């Protein structure tokens, strides 16, 4: 079973701290050295706000991940209990984005060493001027796998609205619910005939 982060909408105050923390966690130290216009603000989760609810939505690291199933070149894989996109091999076809049931995948400009990547041999035509086309890749939550400290959004949330769920927690929760259900049925006696 895969790990994932879940949000409690009753605790979320819509402050977007999780989004900022996500960008900082994935940009390294360069974020604070750049001009505001140069910052690529691409959080891997999105705070959704409606009249009734506010909560961040992000990848659920599905067990039968539709994004991985449709990826034409195997750039999306299951690694260490999470679904990971290899942006170096992603071809930007957008198929994963279309099949994600949570809308957790977005297409973003690819960067390497702080510089936008360009596609070799492909140009875009803007107002009659040809210029190298930016390389676009799929992006989603990776549970901050490279940090080794777990998801940064969970760590910084001021109201503890986000929680990392690991398989052992799910099994313990399911076990507690089964026991509670059995205890509720105890007053009805022997139900083995049903």
N, C-alpha and C. Protein backbone atom coordinates (compact mmCIF):
# COMPACT_ATOMS: atom_id res chain seq x y z
N UNK A 1 0.83 -1.17 0.00
CA UNK A 1 0.00 0.00 0.00
C UNK A 1 0.89 1.25 0.00
N UNK A 2 0.43 2.26 -0.71
CA UNK A 2 1.23 3.49 -0.83
C UNK A 2 0.93 4.49 0.27
N UNK A 3 1.90 5.33 0.56
CA UNK A 3 1.73 6.46 1.47
C UNK A 3 0.99 7.57 0.74
N UNK A 4 0.32 8.44 1.48
CA UNK A 4 -0.29 9.63 0.89
C UNK A 4 -0.58 10.64 1.99
N UNK A 5 -0.84 11.88 1.56
CA UNK A 5 -1.17 12.96 2.50
C UNK A 5 -2.66 13.25 2.37
N UNK A 6 -3.32 13.38 3.50
CA UNK A 6 -4.74 13.70 3.50
C UNK A 6 -4.95 14.99 4.29
N UNK A 7 -5.93 15.78 3.85
CA UNK A 7 -6.21 17.05 4.52
C UNK A 7 -7.54 16.97 5.26
N UNK A 8 -7.60 17.62 6.40
CA UNK A 8 -8.84 17.74 7.17
C UNK A 8 -9.43 19.11 6.88
N UNK A 9 -10.50 19.17 6.09
CA UNK A 9 -11.08 20.48 5.74
C UNK A 9 -11.62 21.24 6.94
N UNK A 10 -11.91 20.55 8.05
CA UNK A 10 -12.38 21.24 9.25
C UNK A 10 -11.26 22.04 9.92
N UNK A 11 -10.01 21.66 9.64
CA UNK A 11 -8.87 22.36 10.24
C UNK A 11 -8.21 23.35 9.28
N UNK A 12 -8.37 23.16 7.97
CA UNK A 12 -7.70 24.02 6.99
C UNK A 12 -8.28 25.43 7.03
N UNK A 13 -7.40 26.42 7.10
CA UNK A 13 -7.84 27.82 7.12
C UNK A 13 -7.55 28.52 5.80
N UNK A 14 -7.05 27.78 4.81
CA UNK A 14 -6.82 28.34 3.48
C UNK A 14 -5.68 29.33 3.42
N UNK A 15 -4.66 29.15 4.23
CA UNK A 15 -3.55 30.12 4.28
C UNK A 15 -2.52 29.92 3.17
N UNK A 16 -2.56 28.79 2.47
CA UNK A 16 -1.65 28.47 1.37
C UNK A 16 -0.19 28.28 1.83
N UNK A 17 0.04 28.15 3.12
CA UNK A 17 1.39 27.88 3.62
C UNK A 17 1.92 26.58 3.04
N UNK A 18 1.05 25.61 2.86
CA UNK A 18 1.47 24.32 2.31
C UNK A 18 2.00 24.47 0.88
N UNK A 19 1.36 25.32 0.10
CA UNK A 19 1.81 25.53 -1.28
C UNK A 19 3.19 26.21 -1.29
N UNK A 20 3.35 27.23 -0.46
CA UNK A 20 4.65 27.91 -0.41
C UNK A 20 5.75 26.97 0.07
N UNK A 21 5.44 26.16 1.08
CA UNK A 21 6.43 25.21 1.59
C UNK A 21 6.81 24.19 0.54
N UNK A 22 5.84 23.79 -0.26
CA UNK A 22 6.10 22.82 -1.34
C UNK A 22 7.07 23.41 -2.35
N UNK A 23 6.84 24.64 -2.75
CA UNK A 23 7.71 25.27 -3.74
C UNK A 23 9.13 25.43 -3.18
N UNK A 24 9.22 25.87 -1.94
CA UNK A 24 10.55 26.04 -1.32
C UNK A 24 11.26 24.69 -1.22
N UNK A 25 10.53 23.66 -0.82
CA UNK A 25 11.15 22.34 -0.66
C UNK A 25 11.70 21.78 -1.97
N UNK A 26 11.05 22.14 -3.08
CA UNK A 26 11.48 21.58 -4.36
C UNK A 26 12.37 22.52 -5.17
N UNK A 27 12.64 23.70 -4.67
CA UNK A 27 13.48 24.62 -5.43
C UNK A 27 14.89 24.74 -4.88
N UNK A 28 15.14 24.09 -3.77
CA UNK A 28 16.46 24.21 -3.18
C UNK A 28 16.68 25.59 -2.61
N UNK A 29 17.90 26.00 -2.51
CA UNK A 29 18.22 27.30 -1.91
C UNK A 29 18.09 28.45 -2.90
N UNK A 30 17.92 28.16 -4.18
CA UNK A 30 17.92 29.21 -5.19
C UNK A 30 16.70 30.12 -5.12
N UNK A 31 15.61 29.69 -4.52
CA UNK A 31 14.38 30.47 -4.51
C UNK A 31 14.61 31.86 -3.91
N UNK A 32 15.39 31.95 -2.86
CA UNK A 32 15.58 33.23 -2.19
C UNK A 32 16.67 34.08 -2.83
N UNK A 33 17.32 33.54 -3.86
CA UNK A 33 18.35 34.29 -4.58
C UNK A 33 17.80 34.89 -5.87
N UNK A 34 16.56 34.55 -6.23
CA UNK A 34 16.00 34.96 -7.51
C UNK A 34 15.12 36.21 -7.36
N UNK A 35 14.99 36.92 -8.49
CA UNK A 35 14.04 38.02 -8.56
C UNK A 35 12.63 37.43 -8.58
N UNK A 36 11.67 38.20 -8.09
CA UNK A 36 10.30 37.69 -8.02
C UNK A 36 9.79 37.23 -9.39
N UNK A 37 10.16 37.97 -10.44
CA UNK A 37 9.69 37.60 -11.77
C UNK A 37 10.32 36.31 -12.29
N UNK A 38 11.42 35.88 -11.70
CA UNK A 38 12.11 34.67 -12.14
C UNK A 38 11.64 33.42 -11.40
N UNK A 39 10.88 33.59 -10.34
CA UNK A 39 10.50 32.45 -9.51
C UNK A 39 9.42 31.63 -10.21
N UNK A 40 9.68 30.35 -10.34
CA UNK A 40 8.70 29.42 -10.90
C UNK A 40 7.89 28.87 -9.75
N UNK A 41 6.71 29.41 -9.54
CA UNK A 41 5.88 29.00 -8.40
C UNK A 41 4.93 27.90 -8.84
N UNK A 42 5.40 26.66 -8.74
CA UNK A 42 4.62 25.51 -9.14
C UNK A 42 4.47 24.55 -7.96
N UNK A 43 3.54 24.83 -7.04
CA UNK A 43 3.36 23.88 -5.94
C UNK A 43 2.79 22.56 -6.45
N UNK A 44 3.10 21.50 -5.74
CA UNK A 44 2.63 20.17 -6.15
C UNK A 44 1.34 19.78 -5.46
N UNK A 45 0.68 20.75 -4.87
CA UNK A 45 -0.66 20.59 -4.32
C UNK A 45 -1.38 21.90 -4.55
N UNK A 46 -2.71 21.86 -4.51
CA UNK A 46 -3.50 23.07 -4.76
C UNK A 46 -4.55 23.23 -3.67
N UNK A 47 -4.58 24.39 -3.05
CA UNK A 47 -5.62 24.67 -2.07
C UNK A 47 -6.89 25.02 -2.83
N UNK A 48 -7.93 24.24 -2.59
CA UNK A 48 -9.21 24.44 -3.23
C UNK A 48 -10.13 25.14 -2.23
N UNK A 49 -10.74 26.22 -2.69
CA UNK A 49 -11.63 26.98 -1.82
C UNK A 49 -13.01 27.07 -2.46
N UNK A 50 -14.01 26.64 -1.71
CA UNK A 50 -15.40 26.81 -2.12
C UNK A 50 -16.10 27.57 -1.00
N UNK A 51 -17.39 27.81 -1.16
CA UNK A 51 -18.12 28.49 -0.08
C UNK A 51 -18.18 27.64 1.17
N UNK A 52 -18.19 26.32 0.99
CA UNK A 52 -18.38 25.42 2.13
C UNK A 52 -17.09 24.83 2.68
N UNK A 53 -16.05 24.77 1.88
CA UNK A 53 -14.86 24.04 2.32
C UNK A 53 -13.59 24.63 1.72
N UNK A 54 -12.52 24.49 2.48
CA UNK A 54 -11.18 24.85 2.03
C UNK A 54 -10.25 23.71 2.40
N UNK A 55 -9.50 23.22 1.43
CA UNK A 55 -8.57 22.13 1.71
C UNK A 55 -7.60 21.97 0.55
N UNK A 56 -6.36 21.62 0.87
CA UNK A 56 -5.41 21.30 -0.21
C UNK A 56 -5.73 19.94 -0.83
N UNK A 57 -5.56 19.85 -2.14
CA UNK A 57 -5.77 18.60 -2.86
C UNK A 57 -4.45 18.25 -3.52
N UNK A 58 -4.07 17.00 -3.39
CA UNK A 58 -2.82 16.56 -3.98
C UNK A 58 -2.91 15.09 -4.33
N UNK A 59 -1.85 14.59 -4.93
CA UNK A 59 -1.80 13.20 -5.38
C UNK A 59 -2.11 12.25 -4.23
N UNK A 60 -2.94 11.24 -4.50
CA UNK A 60 -3.28 10.22 -3.49
C UNK A 60 -2.42 8.98 -3.65
N UNK A 61 -1.50 9.00 -4.59
CA UNK A 61 -0.59 7.86 -4.81
C UNK A 61 -1.41 6.57 -4.91
N UNK A 62 -2.36 6.58 -5.84
CA UNK A 62 -3.30 5.48 -6.04
C UNK A 62 -2.59 4.13 -6.17
N UNK A 63 -3.22 3.09 -5.66
CA UNK A 63 -2.63 1.75 -5.74
C UNK A 63 -2.60 1.26 -7.19
N UNK A 64 -3.69 1.45 -7.90
CA UNK A 64 -3.74 1.12 -9.33
C UNK A 64 -3.70 2.45 -10.08
N UNK A 65 -2.57 3.10 -10.03
CA UNK A 65 -2.42 4.48 -10.49
C UNK A 65 -2.74 4.61 -11.98
N UNK A 66 -3.87 5.28 -12.31
CA UNK A 66 -4.20 5.45 -13.72
C UNK A 66 -3.14 6.24 -14.48
N UNK A 67 -2.48 7.16 -13.80
CA UNK A 67 -1.44 7.95 -14.47
C UNK A 67 -0.28 7.06 -14.93
N UNK A 68 0.10 6.12 -14.07
CA UNK A 68 1.19 5.21 -14.43
C UNK A 68 0.75 4.23 -15.51
N UNK A 69 -0.53 3.83 -15.43
CA UNK A 69 -1.04 2.86 -16.42
C UNK A 69 -1.08 3.44 -17.83
N UNK A 70 -1.27 4.74 -17.96
CA UNK A 70 -1.38 5.33 -19.31
C UNK A 70 -0.09 5.98 -19.80
N UNK A 71 0.90 6.13 -18.93
CA UNK A 71 2.14 6.78 -19.35
C UNK A 71 2.77 5.97 -20.50
N UNK A 72 2.95 6.58 -21.66
CA UNK A 72 3.40 5.81 -22.83
C UNK A 72 4.85 5.37 -22.79
N UNK A 73 5.66 5.97 -21.93
CA UNK A 73 7.07 5.56 -21.92
C UNK A 73 7.59 5.17 -20.54
N UNK A 74 6.68 4.89 -19.61
CA UNK A 74 7.10 4.39 -18.30
C UNK A 74 7.77 5.41 -17.42
N UNK A 75 7.41 6.69 -17.60
CA UNK A 75 8.03 7.73 -16.78
C UNK A 75 7.38 7.84 -15.40
N UNK A 76 6.26 7.16 -15.18
CA UNK A 76 5.60 7.18 -13.88
C UNK A 76 5.67 5.78 -13.31
N UNK A 77 6.27 5.67 -12.12
CA UNK A 77 6.49 4.36 -11.50
C UNK A 77 6.14 4.40 -10.02
N UNK A 78 6.01 3.22 -9.44
CA UNK A 78 5.81 3.08 -8.01
C UNK A 78 7.17 2.85 -7.37
N UNK A 79 7.55 3.73 -6.46
CA UNK A 79 8.86 3.64 -5.83
C UNK A 79 8.72 3.91 -4.33
N UNK A 80 9.15 3.01 -3.52
CA UNK A 80 9.14 3.20 -2.06
C UNK A 80 7.79 3.68 -1.54
N UNK A 81 6.73 3.02 -1.90
CA UNK A 81 5.36 3.31 -1.43
C UNK A 81 4.83 4.65 -1.92
N UNK A 82 5.26 5.12 -3.09
CA UNK A 82 4.67 6.32 -3.67
C UNK A 82 4.79 6.26 -5.19
N UNK A 83 3.96 7.06 -5.85
CA UNK A 83 3.96 7.12 -7.32
C UNK A 83 4.81 8.32 -7.71
N UNK A 84 5.83 8.07 -8.51
CA UNK A 84 6.83 9.09 -8.85
C UNK A 84 6.87 9.33 -10.36
N UNK A 85 7.00 10.62 -10.74
CA UNK A 85 7.18 10.98 -12.15
C UNK A 85 8.65 11.28 -12.39
N UNK A 86 9.23 10.64 -13.37
CA UNK A 86 10.59 10.95 -13.78
C UNK A 86 10.52 12.06 -14.82
N UNK A 87 10.76 13.30 -14.39
CA UNK A 87 10.64 14.43 -15.30
C UNK A 87 11.73 14.45 -16.36
N UNK A 88 12.82 13.74 -16.14
CA UNK A 88 13.88 13.69 -17.16
C UNK A 88 13.43 12.91 -18.40
N UNK A 89 12.54 11.92 -18.20
CA UNK A 89 12.08 11.12 -19.33
C UNK A 89 10.66 11.47 -19.78
N UNK A 90 9.95 12.30 -18.99
CA UNK A 90 8.58 12.70 -19.35
C UNK A 90 8.60 13.43 -20.69
N UNK A 91 7.65 13.08 -21.55
CA UNK A 91 7.58 13.72 -22.87
C UNK A 91 6.50 14.80 -22.93
N UNK A 92 5.82 15.04 -21.82
CA UNK A 92 4.83 16.13 -21.76
C UNK A 92 3.59 15.86 -22.59
N UNK A 93 3.16 14.60 -22.70
CA UNK A 93 2.00 14.26 -23.55
C UNK A 93 0.67 14.60 -22.90
N UNK A 94 0.65 14.84 -21.59
CA UNK A 94 -0.53 15.25 -20.83
C UNK A 94 -1.52 14.12 -20.57
N UNK A 95 -1.24 12.91 -20.98
CA UNK A 95 -2.17 11.80 -20.79
C UNK A 95 -2.41 11.54 -19.30
N UNK A 96 -1.37 11.59 -18.50
CA UNK A 96 -1.51 11.36 -17.06
C UNK A 96 -2.41 12.42 -16.42
N UNK A 97 -2.27 13.64 -16.86
CA UNK A 97 -3.08 14.74 -16.33
C UNK A 97 -4.55 14.50 -16.63
N UNK A 98 -4.84 13.99 -17.81
CA UNK A 98 -6.23 13.77 -18.21
C UNK A 98 -6.90 12.65 -17.42
N UNK A 99 -6.16 11.62 -17.03
CA UNK A 99 -6.79 10.48 -16.36
C UNK A 99 -6.77 10.58 -14.85
N UNK A 100 -6.05 11.51 -14.29
CA UNK A 100 -5.97 11.61 -12.83
C UNK A 100 -7.35 11.99 -12.27
N UNK A 101 -7.94 11.14 -11.41
CA UNK A 101 -9.29 11.44 -10.89
C UNK A 101 -9.32 12.59 -9.90
N UNK A 102 -8.17 13.01 -9.39
CA UNK A 102 -8.13 14.09 -8.40
C UNK A 102 -7.65 15.42 -8.98
N UNK A 103 -7.26 15.43 -10.24
CA UNK A 103 -6.73 16.66 -10.82
C UNK A 103 -5.41 17.05 -10.17
N UNK A 104 -4.66 16.06 -9.72
CA UNK A 104 -3.44 16.32 -8.96
C UNK A 104 -2.20 16.51 -9.82
N UNK A 105 -2.31 16.29 -11.12
CA UNK A 105 -1.15 16.42 -12.00
C UNK A 105 -1.31 17.69 -12.84
N UNK A 106 -0.26 18.44 -12.93
CA UNK A 106 -0.27 19.63 -13.76
C UNK A 106 0.97 19.62 -14.66
N UNK A 107 0.88 20.37 -15.73
CA UNK A 107 2.01 20.48 -16.64
C UNK A 107 2.75 21.77 -16.32
N UNK A 108 4.06 21.68 -16.20
CA UNK A 108 4.87 22.84 -15.83
C UNK A 108 6.11 22.93 -16.71
N UNK A 109 6.70 24.09 -16.75
CA UNK A 109 7.95 24.28 -17.47
C UNK A 109 9.06 23.51 -16.76
N UNK A 110 9.86 22.80 -17.52
CA UNK A 110 10.96 22.04 -16.94
C UNK A 110 12.16 22.95 -16.70
N UNK A 111 12.79 22.79 -15.54
CA UNK A 111 13.98 23.57 -15.19
C UNK A 111 15.14 22.62 -14.91
N UNK A 112 16.33 23.05 -15.22
CA UNK A 112 17.54 22.31 -14.84
C UNK A 112 18.57 23.35 -14.44
N UNK A 113 19.10 23.18 -13.25
CA UNK A 113 20.08 24.12 -12.69
C UNK A 113 19.55 25.55 -12.71
N UNK A 114 18.27 25.71 -12.42
CA UNK A 114 17.66 27.03 -12.35
C UNK A 114 17.32 27.67 -13.68
N UNK A 115 17.58 26.97 -14.76
CA UNK A 115 17.31 27.51 -16.10
C UNK A 115 16.19 26.72 -16.77
N UNK A 116 15.33 27.46 -17.51
CA UNK A 116 14.28 26.79 -18.27
C UNK A 116 14.90 25.90 -19.31
N UNK A 117 14.34 24.70 -19.44
CA UNK A 117 14.81 23.79 -20.48
C UNK A 117 14.09 24.11 -21.78
N UNK A 118 14.79 23.99 -22.87
CA UNK A 118 14.24 24.21 -24.20
C UNK A 118 14.24 22.90 -24.95
N UNK A 119 13.30 22.78 -25.90
CA UNK A 119 13.24 21.59 -26.73
C UNK A 119 14.17 21.79 -27.92
N UNK A 120 15.02 20.83 -28.13
CA UNK A 120 15.92 20.96 -29.26
C UNK A 120 15.15 20.75 -30.56
N UNK A 121 15.31 21.65 -31.48
CA UNK A 121 14.71 21.52 -32.79
C UNK A 121 13.27 21.99 -32.89
N UNK A 122 12.62 22.34 -31.78
CA UNK A 122 11.24 22.78 -31.85
C UNK A 122 11.15 24.26 -31.48
N UNK A 123 10.47 25.00 -32.31
CA UNK A 123 10.35 26.44 -32.07
C UNK A 123 8.88 26.80 -31.98
N UNK A 124 8.59 27.87 -31.25
CA UNK A 124 7.23 28.40 -31.20
C UNK A 124 7.21 29.71 -31.97
N UNK A 125 6.05 29.97 -32.55
CA UNK A 125 5.90 31.17 -33.36
C UNK A 125 4.96 32.13 -32.64
N UNK A 126 5.53 33.16 -32.05
CA UNK A 126 4.75 34.17 -31.34
C UNK A 126 4.87 35.49 -32.09
N UNK A 127 3.77 35.92 -32.69
CA UNK A 127 3.73 37.18 -33.43
C UNK A 127 4.79 37.25 -34.53
N UNK A 128 4.97 36.13 -35.21
CA UNK A 128 5.90 36.11 -36.32
C UNK A 128 7.36 35.95 -35.94
N UNK A 129 7.62 35.76 -34.66
CA UNK A 129 8.99 35.58 -34.19
C UNK A 129 9.17 34.14 -33.71
N UNK A 130 10.12 33.46 -34.30
CA UNK A 130 10.40 32.09 -33.88
C UNK A 130 11.38 32.10 -32.71
N UNK A 131 11.02 31.33 -31.69
CA UNK A 131 11.91 31.22 -30.53
C UNK A 131 11.88 29.78 -30.04
N UNK A 132 12.95 29.33 -29.38
CA UNK A 132 12.98 27.95 -28.89
C UNK A 132 11.79 27.69 -27.95
N UNK A 133 11.14 26.54 -28.13
CA UNK A 133 9.98 26.18 -27.31
C UNK A 133 10.44 25.59 -25.98
N UNK A 134 9.75 26.02 -24.91
CA UNK A 134 10.07 25.50 -23.59
C UNK A 134 9.64 24.03 -23.50
N UNK A 135 10.39 23.28 -22.71
CA UNK A 135 10.04 21.88 -22.47
C UNK A 135 9.04 21.84 -21.32
N UNK A 136 7.91 21.17 -21.53
CA UNK A 136 6.85 21.04 -20.53
C UNK A 136 6.80 19.59 -20.04
N UNK A 137 6.69 19.43 -18.72
CA UNK A 137 6.65 18.08 -18.13
C UNK A 137 5.53 17.99 -17.10
N UNK A 138 5.16 16.76 -16.75
CA UNK A 138 4.14 16.52 -15.73
C UNK A 138 4.76 16.67 -14.34
N UNK A 139 3.93 17.16 -13.42
CA UNK A 139 4.40 17.35 -12.04
C UNK A 139 3.27 17.04 -11.07
N UNK A 140 3.61 16.44 -9.96
CA UNK A 140 2.65 16.15 -8.90
C UNK A 140 3.41 15.92 -7.61
N UNK A 141 2.67 15.74 -6.51
CA UNK A 141 3.29 15.49 -5.21
C UNK A 141 4.18 14.25 -5.27
N UNK A 142 5.38 14.38 -4.71
CA UNK A 142 6.30 13.25 -4.61
C UNK A 142 6.61 12.91 -3.15
N UNK A 143 5.80 13.46 -2.25
CA UNK A 143 5.97 13.25 -0.80
C UNK A 143 7.35 13.72 -0.33
N UNK A 144 7.93 14.67 -1.05
CA UNK A 144 9.25 15.23 -0.72
C UNK A 144 10.27 14.11 -0.53
N UNK A 145 10.26 13.18 -1.47
CA UNK A 145 11.12 12.00 -1.37
C UNK A 145 12.61 12.33 -1.26
N UNK A 146 13.05 13.40 -1.91
CA UNK A 146 14.48 13.71 -1.89
C UNK A 146 14.94 14.32 -0.57
N UNK A 147 14.02 14.92 0.19
CA UNK A 147 14.43 15.56 1.44
C UNK A 147 14.74 14.54 2.52
N UNK A 148 14.05 13.41 2.48
CA UNK A 148 14.25 12.40 3.51
C UNK A 148 13.56 12.75 4.82
N UNK A 149 12.87 13.88 4.85
CA UNK A 149 12.19 14.31 6.07
C UNK A 149 10.67 14.22 5.98
N UNK A 150 10.18 13.65 4.89
CA UNK A 150 8.74 13.56 4.71
C UNK A 150 8.19 14.84 4.09
N UNK A 151 6.88 14.85 3.87
CA UNK A 151 6.26 16.00 3.19
C UNK A 151 6.39 17.30 3.97
N UNK A 152 6.93 18.30 3.31
CA UNK A 152 7.12 19.61 3.94
C UNK A 152 5.78 20.28 4.26
N UNK A 153 4.76 20.04 3.42
CA UNK A 153 3.44 20.64 3.66
C UNK A 153 2.87 20.20 4.99
N UNK A 154 3.09 18.94 5.35
CA UNK A 154 2.60 18.41 6.62
C UNK A 154 3.34 19.09 7.77
N UNK A 155 4.64 19.27 7.61
CA UNK A 155 5.47 19.84 8.68
C UNK A 155 5.11 21.29 8.98
N UNK A 156 4.78 22.08 7.95
CA UNK A 156 4.59 23.51 8.16
C UNK A 156 3.14 23.93 8.40
N UNK A 157 2.19 23.07 8.19
CA UNK A 157 0.78 23.47 8.33
C UNK A 157 0.53 24.00 9.75
N UNK A 158 0.09 25.25 9.86
CA UNK A 158 -0.08 25.85 11.20
C UNK A 158 -1.24 25.28 12.00
N UNK A 159 -2.17 24.59 11.33
CA UNK A 159 -3.31 24.03 12.07
C UNK A 159 -3.32 22.50 12.09
N UNK A 160 -2.23 21.90 11.63
CA UNK A 160 -2.13 20.44 11.56
C UNK A 160 -3.27 19.82 10.75
N UNK A 161 -3.64 20.50 9.67
CA UNK A 161 -4.73 20.01 8.83
C UNK A 161 -4.27 18.89 7.89
N UNK A 162 -2.96 18.76 7.70
CA UNK A 162 -2.43 17.74 6.80
C UNK A 162 -1.78 16.63 7.61
N UNK A 163 -1.96 15.41 7.12
CA UNK A 163 -1.38 14.26 7.81
C UNK A 163 -0.86 13.26 6.78
N UNK A 164 0.35 12.77 7.00
CA UNK A 164 0.91 11.71 6.17
C UNK A 164 0.33 10.39 6.65
N UNK A 165 -0.30 9.67 5.74
CA UNK A 165 -0.87 8.36 6.06
C UNK A 165 0.05 7.29 5.52
N UNK A 166 0.46 6.38 6.39
CA UNK A 166 1.31 5.26 5.98
C UNK A 166 0.51 3.97 6.15
N UNK A 167 0.87 2.90 5.43
CA UNK A 167 0.07 1.68 5.45
C UNK A 167 -0.24 1.13 6.84
N UNK A 168 0.70 1.19 7.77
CA UNK A 168 0.44 0.63 9.11
C UNK A 168 -0.68 1.40 9.81
N UNK A 169 -0.79 2.70 9.58
CA UNK A 169 -1.88 3.48 10.18
C UNK A 169 -3.23 3.06 9.63
N UNK A 170 -3.26 2.77 8.34
CA UNK A 170 -4.53 2.36 7.71
C UNK A 170 -4.98 1.04 8.30
N UNK A 171 -4.07 0.09 8.44
CA UNK A 171 -4.42 -1.22 8.99
C UNK A 171 -4.89 -1.08 10.44
N UNK A 172 -4.23 -0.24 11.24
CA UNK A 172 -4.64 -0.04 12.63
C UNK A 172 -6.03 0.59 12.69
N UNK A 173 -6.29 1.56 11.83
CA UNK A 173 -7.59 2.22 11.80
C UNK A 173 -8.69 1.24 11.41
N UNK A 174 -8.42 0.43 10.39
CA UNK A 174 -9.40 -0.56 9.95
C UNK A 174 -9.67 -1.58 11.06
N UNK A 175 -8.62 -1.99 11.76
CA UNK A 175 -8.77 -2.95 12.85
C UNK A 175 -9.64 -2.37 13.97
N UNK A 176 -9.39 -1.10 14.32
CA UNK A 176 -10.20 -0.46 15.37
C UNK A 176 -11.68 -0.39 14.95
N UNK A 177 -11.93 -0.08 13.70
CA UNK A 177 -13.32 0.01 13.22
C UNK A 177 -14.00 -1.35 13.23
N UNK A 178 -13.27 -2.42 12.88
CA UNK A 178 -13.85 -3.76 12.90
C UNK A 178 -14.23 -4.15 14.33
N UNK A 179 -13.34 -3.85 15.27
CA UNK A 179 -13.61 -4.17 16.68
C UNK A 179 -14.82 -3.38 17.18
N UNK A 180 -14.89 -2.11 16.84
CA UNK A 180 -16.03 -1.27 17.25
C UNK A 180 -17.33 -1.80 16.65
N UNK A 181 -17.30 -2.24 15.40
CA UNK A 181 -18.50 -2.80 14.76
C UNK A 181 -18.93 -4.08 15.45
N UNK A 182 -17.98 -4.94 15.78
CA UNK A 182 -18.30 -6.19 16.46
C UNK A 182 -18.90 -5.93 17.84
N UNK A 183 -18.35 -4.92 18.52
CA UNK A 183 -18.89 -4.58 19.85
C UNK A 183 -20.30 -4.02 19.75
N UNK A 184 -20.61 -3.30 18.69
CA UNK A 184 -21.97 -2.78 18.50
C UNK A 184 -22.98 -3.90 18.25
N UNK A 185 -22.51 -4.97 17.62
CA UNK A 185 -23.40 -6.08 17.30
C UNK A 185 -23.59 -7.05 18.46
N UNK A 186 -22.76 -6.97 19.48
CA UNK A 186 -22.79 -7.89 20.60
C UNK A 186 -24.16 -7.95 21.28
N UNK A 187 -24.88 -6.85 21.50
CA UNK A 187 -26.19 -6.93 22.17
C UNK A 187 -27.23 -7.73 21.39
N UNK A 188 -27.01 -7.93 20.11
CA UNK A 188 -27.98 -8.66 19.31
C UNK A 188 -27.76 -10.16 19.35
N UNK A 189 -26.75 -10.59 20.07
CA UNK A 189 -26.52 -12.01 20.25
C UNK A 189 -25.90 -12.68 19.05
N UNK A 190 -26.22 -13.92 18.89
CA UNK A 190 -25.64 -14.74 17.82
C UNK A 190 -26.23 -14.37 16.46
N UNK A 191 -25.41 -13.84 15.59
CA UNK A 191 -25.84 -13.46 14.25
C UNK A 191 -25.28 -14.43 13.20
N UNK A 192 -24.82 -15.56 13.66
CA UNK A 192 -24.16 -16.47 12.71
C UNK A 192 -25.13 -17.02 11.67
N UNK A 193 -26.46 -16.97 11.93
CA UNK A 193 -27.42 -17.47 10.96
C UNK A 193 -27.65 -16.54 9.79
N UNK A 194 -27.12 -15.34 9.87
CA UNK A 194 -27.36 -14.37 8.80
C UNK A 194 -26.25 -14.34 7.81
